[in-house]
C-alpha cells in the first residue's frame, strides 16, 4: 500500500510514522508513505496556496488550482495503481472499520489531502477528490491528525503488517447476529491474583469450548 499525503505541515508526521508498527511496515516494504508540501505546487515565487473568500468572511481558503496541480502530479507518479483521493474534513462521512476494510482491500494507493486554515474551495470537494472522510464530529486545526489515524488503521490490515490472525478477533472485526459490531473480549495475564483481583476461573480451566463461549458472551456484553 502506498500513501501520498499532501500537507502544509508534513513535519507533523515524523514521530508517528517513524516508530512502532508503521516503521516496521515501511522497513519491510509493505507500506510506503510519501509526503508532499502543498506550497511546492503554488504558482508564484512564494508558493501561495490560499486566498480570501468570495463574498467576504473570516479566514483564508485553500485554492482549487493549487490543489488540482498537487493531486494531478502526485497521481501521475503511480498512474496504473488502484488509487483513491481522500479529503480529510469534518464535513466528511465518519471513518468506520467497514470503511477501513474497504480501503485496505480495494486500493493500493491512497492520496490524502490535509486541510488547514478556514476551508477548501468547494470545487475541490466537488470535482477533485473521490471521498470526504471525517474521524468524528469535532474540529481540529488541520487534517494531519485524521490522516495519521487513517494511515494507521488501514496499514494494520495489510497482510504481513501484523502477525497472522492478530486483527481478526479485535473490536469491530466481527459482528453479531443482528449485524452490529462486537468489541473485543477482556484479556488477562500473570499474576493470577493481584490485590485480590483474580483472573476469571474459566480462563484457567483449560476448557477451550467454555473459554470461547465466555469470550463471545463478554464481547456481546461490551458491545
Protein backbone atom coordinates (compact mmCIF):
# COMPACT_ATOMS: atom_id res chain seq x y z
CA UNK A 1 0.00 0.00 0.00
CA UNK A 2 1.29 3.45 -0.91
CA UNK A 3 0.11 6.57 0.87
CA UNK A 4 0.80 10.02 -0.54
CA UNK A 5 -0.01 12.78 1.92
CA UNK A 6 -0.41 16.37 0.73
CA UNK A 7 0.02 18.75 3.64
CA UNK A 8 1.18 22.20 4.64
CA UNK A 9 2.86 20.69 7.70
CA UNK A 10 4.43 17.34 6.74
CA UNK A 11 6.78 17.57 9.72
CA UNK A 12 3.84 16.66 11.97
CA UNK A 13 4.11 13.05 10.74
CA UNK A 14 7.75 12.48 11.72
CA UNK A 15 7.11 10.91 15.13
CA UNK A 16 4.03 8.73 14.49
CA UNK A 17 5.34 7.26 11.26
CA UNK A 18 8.94 6.66 12.35
CA UNK A 19 8.29 4.34 15.29
CA UNK A 20 6.49 1.13 16.20
CA UNK A 21 4.33 -0.82 13.75
CA UNK A 22 4.30 1.75 10.95
CA UNK A 23 8.09 1.98 10.88
CA UNK A 24 8.35 -1.82 10.73
CA UNK A 25 5.80 -1.94 7.93
CA UNK A 26 7.82 0.57 5.93
CA UNK A 27 11.09 -1.22 6.65
CA UNK A 28 9.55 -4.43 5.26
CA UNK A 29 8.29 -2.53 2.17
CA UNK A 30 4.71 -3.44 2.99
CA UNK A 31 3.73 0.22 3.29
CA UNK A 32 5.18 3.27 1.55
CA UNK A 33 4.41 6.74 2.90
CA UNK A 34 5.34 9.87 0.95
CA UNK A 35 4.82 13.49 1.91
CA UNK A 36 4.19 16.44 -0.38
CA UNK A 37 4.43 20.06 0.73
CA UNK A 38 1.43 21.89 -0.73
CA UNK A 39 3.45 25.13 -1.05
CA UNK A 40 5.61 23.35 -3.66
CA UNK A 41 2.67 23.40 -6.04
CA UNK A 42 1.98 27.14 -5.81
CA UNK A 43 2.11 29.21 -8.98
CA UNK A 44 4.16 32.14 -7.66
CA UNK A 45 7.57 32.51 -6.02
CA UNK A 46 6.02 32.47 -2.56
CA UNK A 47 4.20 29.22 -3.18
CA UNK A 48 0.86 30.80 -2.32
CA UNK A 49 -1.81 28.20 -1.53
CA UNK A 50 -4.70 30.28 -0.18
CA UNK A 51 -6.74 33.41 -0.77
CA UNK A 52 -9.59 35.35 0.82
CA UNK A 53 -13.13 34.03 0.30
CA UNK A 54 -15.50 35.44 -2.27
CA UNK A 55 -18.40 37.18 -0.56
CA UNK A 56 -16.29 38.11 2.46
CA UNK A 57 -15.73 36.32 5.72
CA UNK A 58 -13.01 35.31 8.13
CA UNK A 59 -10.00 33.15 7.33
CA UNK A 60 -8.31 32.03 4.14
CA UNK A 61 -9.43 29.42 1.61
CA UNK A 62 -7.18 26.80 0.01
CA UNK A 63 -7.06 27.40 -3.73
CA UNK A 64 -8.58 24.97 -6.23
CA UNK A 65 -5.87 25.47 -8.89
CA UNK A 66 -3.02 24.70 -6.49
CA UNK A 67 -4.72 21.61 -5.08
CA UNK A 68 -5.59 20.41 -8.60
CA UNK A 69 -1.93 20.68 -9.61
CA UNK A 70 -0.81 18.81 -6.48
CA UNK A 71 -3.26 15.92 -6.92
CA UNK A 72 -2.55 15.61 -10.65
CA UNK A 73 1.23 15.45 -10.18
CA UNK A 74 1.08 13.03 -7.26
CA UNK A 75 -1.39 10.75 -9.02
CA UNK A 76 0.70 10.69 -12.21
CA UNK A 77 3.61 9.13 -10.29
CA UNK A 78 1.53 5.96 -9.80
CA UNK A 79 -0.90 6.20 -12.68
CA UNK A 80 -1.69 2.49 -13.02
CA UNK A 81 -2.49 1.90 -9.36
CA UNK A 82 -5.91 1.41 -7.86
CA UNK A 83 -5.93 4.94 -6.44
CA UNK A 84 -8.32 6.99 -4.39
CA UNK A 85 -8.10 10.65 -3.39
CA UNK A 86 -9.42 11.35 0.09
CA UNK A 87 -10.09 14.73 1.63
CA UNK A 88 -9.80 14.81 5.44
CA UNK A 89 -12.53 17.14 6.64
CA UNK A 90 -15.13 17.42 9.44
CA UNK A 91 -17.77 17.59 6.68
CA UNK A 92 -16.93 14.08 5.51
CA UNK A 93 -18.51 10.73 6.25
CA UNK A 94 -17.43 9.13 9.52
CA UNK A 95 -14.46 6.78 9.31
CA UNK A 96 -15.57 3.30 10.40
CA UNK A 97 -13.93 -0.12 10.46
CA UNK A 98 -16.04 -1.11 7.45
CA UNK A 99 -14.53 1.81 5.52
CA UNK A 100 -11.03 0.89 6.72
CA UNK A 101 -11.50 -2.70 5.48
CA UNK A 102 -12.82 -1.40 2.15
CA UNK A 103 -9.81 0.87 1.64
CA UNK A 104 -7.31 -1.82 2.61
CA UNK A 105 -8.96 -4.42 0.38
CA UNK A 106 -9.78 -2.43 -2.75
CA UNK A 107 -6.97 0.09 -3.17
CA UNK A 108 -3.18 0.09 -3.27
CA UNK A 109 -2.68 3.86 -3.48
CA UNK A 110 -4.36 6.44 -1.26
CA UNK A 111 -3.77 10.17 -1.74
CA UNK A 112 -4.69 12.05 1.42
CA UNK A 113 -5.37 15.78 1.29
CA UNK A 114 -4.94 17.57 4.62
CA UNK A 115 -6.70 20.88 5.02
CA UNK A 116 -5.72 23.92 7.08
CA UNK A 117 -6.92 27.46 7.60
CA UNK A 118 -10.62 28.22 7.14
CA UNK A 119 -11.69 25.76 4.43
CA UNK A 120 -11.14 24.35 0.96
CA UNK A 121 -12.53 25.95 -2.15
CA UNK A 122 -15.71 23.88 -2.52
CA UNK A 123 -14.77 22.97 -6.10
CA UNK A 124 -12.02 20.78 -4.65
CA UNK A 125 -14.59 18.72 -2.78
CA UNK A 126 -16.96 18.60 -5.73
CA UNK A 127 -14.52 17.80 -8.52
CA UNK A 128 -11.05 16.72 -7.40
CA UNK A 129 -11.48 14.15 -4.62
CA UNK A 130 -13.16 10.75 -4.57
CA UNK A 131 -14.26 10.81 -0.96
CA UNK A 132 -14.52 13.15 2.01
CA UNK A 133 -13.74 11.47 5.36
CA UNK A 134 -14.06 12.67 8.96
CA UNK A 135 -12.80 10.96 12.12
CA UNK A 136 -15.52 12.46 14.31
CA UNK A 137 -17.91 15.30 14.99
CA UNK A 138 -15.32 17.79 16.17
CA UNK A 139 -12.92 20.26 14.57
CA UNK A 140 -9.11 20.05 14.57
CA UNK A 141 -6.57 22.60 13.40
CA UNK A 142 -5.93 20.58 10.26
CA UNK A 143 -6.23 17.24 8.51
CA UNK A 144 -2.88 15.83 9.61
CA UNK A 145 -4.12 14.00 12.72
CA UNK A 146 -7.06 12.43 10.82
CA UNK A 147 -4.60 11.37 8.11
CA UNK A 148 -2.44 9.68 10.75
CA UNK A 149 -5.46 7.79 12.06
CA UNK A 150 -6.47 6.66 8.58
CA UNK A 151 -2.96 5.51 7.62
CA UNK A 152 -2.56 3.61 10.89
CA UNK A 153 -5.96 1.89 10.71
CA UNK A 154 -5.55 0.87 7.06
CA UNK A 155 -1.90 -0.19 7.32
CA UNK A 156 -2.51 -2.69 10.10
CA UNK A 157 -4.84 -4.65 7.78
CA UNK A 158 -2.21 -5.02 5.07
CA UNK A 159 -1.06 -8.67 5.00
CA UNK A 160 2.20 -9.09 6.84
CA UNK A 161 2.00 -5.91 8.91
CA UNK A 162 0.56 -7.74 11.92
CA UNK A 163 1.13 -11.31 12.98
CA UNK A 164 -1.22 -13.72 11.20
CA UNK A 165 -4.69 -13.64 12.75
CA UNK A 166 -3.93 -10.76 15.11
CA UNK A 167 -6.60 -8.46 13.69
CA UNK A 168 -9.45 -10.95 13.33
CA UNK A 169 -10.56 -11.02 16.99
CA UNK A 170 -10.25 -7.29 17.60
CA UNK A 171 -13.01 -4.78 18.24
CA UNK A 172 -15.09 -4.01 15.13
CA UNK A 173 -13.79 -7.02 13.19
CA UNK A 174 -16.70 -9.36 13.98
CA UNK A 175 -20.47 -8.84 14.04
CA UNK A 176 -23.30 -10.40 15.98
CA UNK A 177 -26.47 -11.98 14.57
CA UNK A 178 -28.02 -8.53 14.06
CA UNK A 179 -25.07 -7.24 12.10
CA UNK A 180 -23.80 -5.00 14.89
CA UNK A 181 -20.08 -4.83 15.56
CA UNK A 182 -18.68 -6.68 18.55
CA UNK A 183 -15.96 -5.27 20.79
CA UNK A 184 -13.01 -7.36 21.90
CA UNK A 185 -13.36 -9.64 24.92
CA UNK A 186 -11.38 -8.86 28.15
CA UNK A 187 -7.81 -10.11 28.30
CA UNK A 188 -5.70 -11.16 31.32
CA UNK A 189 -2.16 -12.32 32.05
CA UNK A 190 0.00 -13.20 35.08
CA UNK A 191 -0.16 -12.86 38.04
CA UNK A 192 -3.25 -14.97 38.52
CA UNK A 193 -4.32 -12.89 41.53
CA UNK A 194 -3.24 -9.30 42.12
CA UNK A 195 -4.53 -7.18 45.04
CA UNK A 196 -7.47 -9.58 45.44
CA UNK A 197 -8.33 -9.10 41.74
CA UNK A 198 -8.48 -12.64 40.29
CA UNK A 199 -8.40 -13.79 36.71
CA UNK A 200 -11.80 -15.33 35.77
CA UNK A 201 -11.72 -19.04 36.59
CA UNK A 202 -12.93 -20.13 33.17
CA UNK A 203 -9.70 -18.83 31.61
CA UNK A 204 -7.70 -21.12 33.89
CA UNK A 205 -9.83 -24.18 33.22
CA UNK A 206 -8.18 -25.40 30.04
CA UNK A 207 -11.66 -25.99 28.58
CA UNK A 208 -11.33 -24.24 25.23
CA UNK A 209 -15.02 -24.59 24.33
CA UNK A 210 -16.06 -22.88 27.59
CA UNK A 211 -13.38 -20.24 27.16
CA UNK A 212 -14.64 -19.43 23.67
CA UNK A 213 -18.23 -19.30 24.93
CA UNK A 214 -17.19 -16.92 27.73
CA UNK A 215 -15.32 -14.71 25.30
CA UNK A 216 -18.27 -14.44 22.94
CA UNK A 217 -20.61 -13.59 25.82
CA UNK A 218 -18.19 -10.93 27.01
CA UNK A 219 -17.99 -9.44 23.54
CA UNK A 220 -21.78 -9.14 23.37
CA UNK A 221 -21.92 -7.57 26.84
CA UNK A 222 -19.31 -4.97 25.89
CA UNK A 223 -20.90 -4.01 22.57
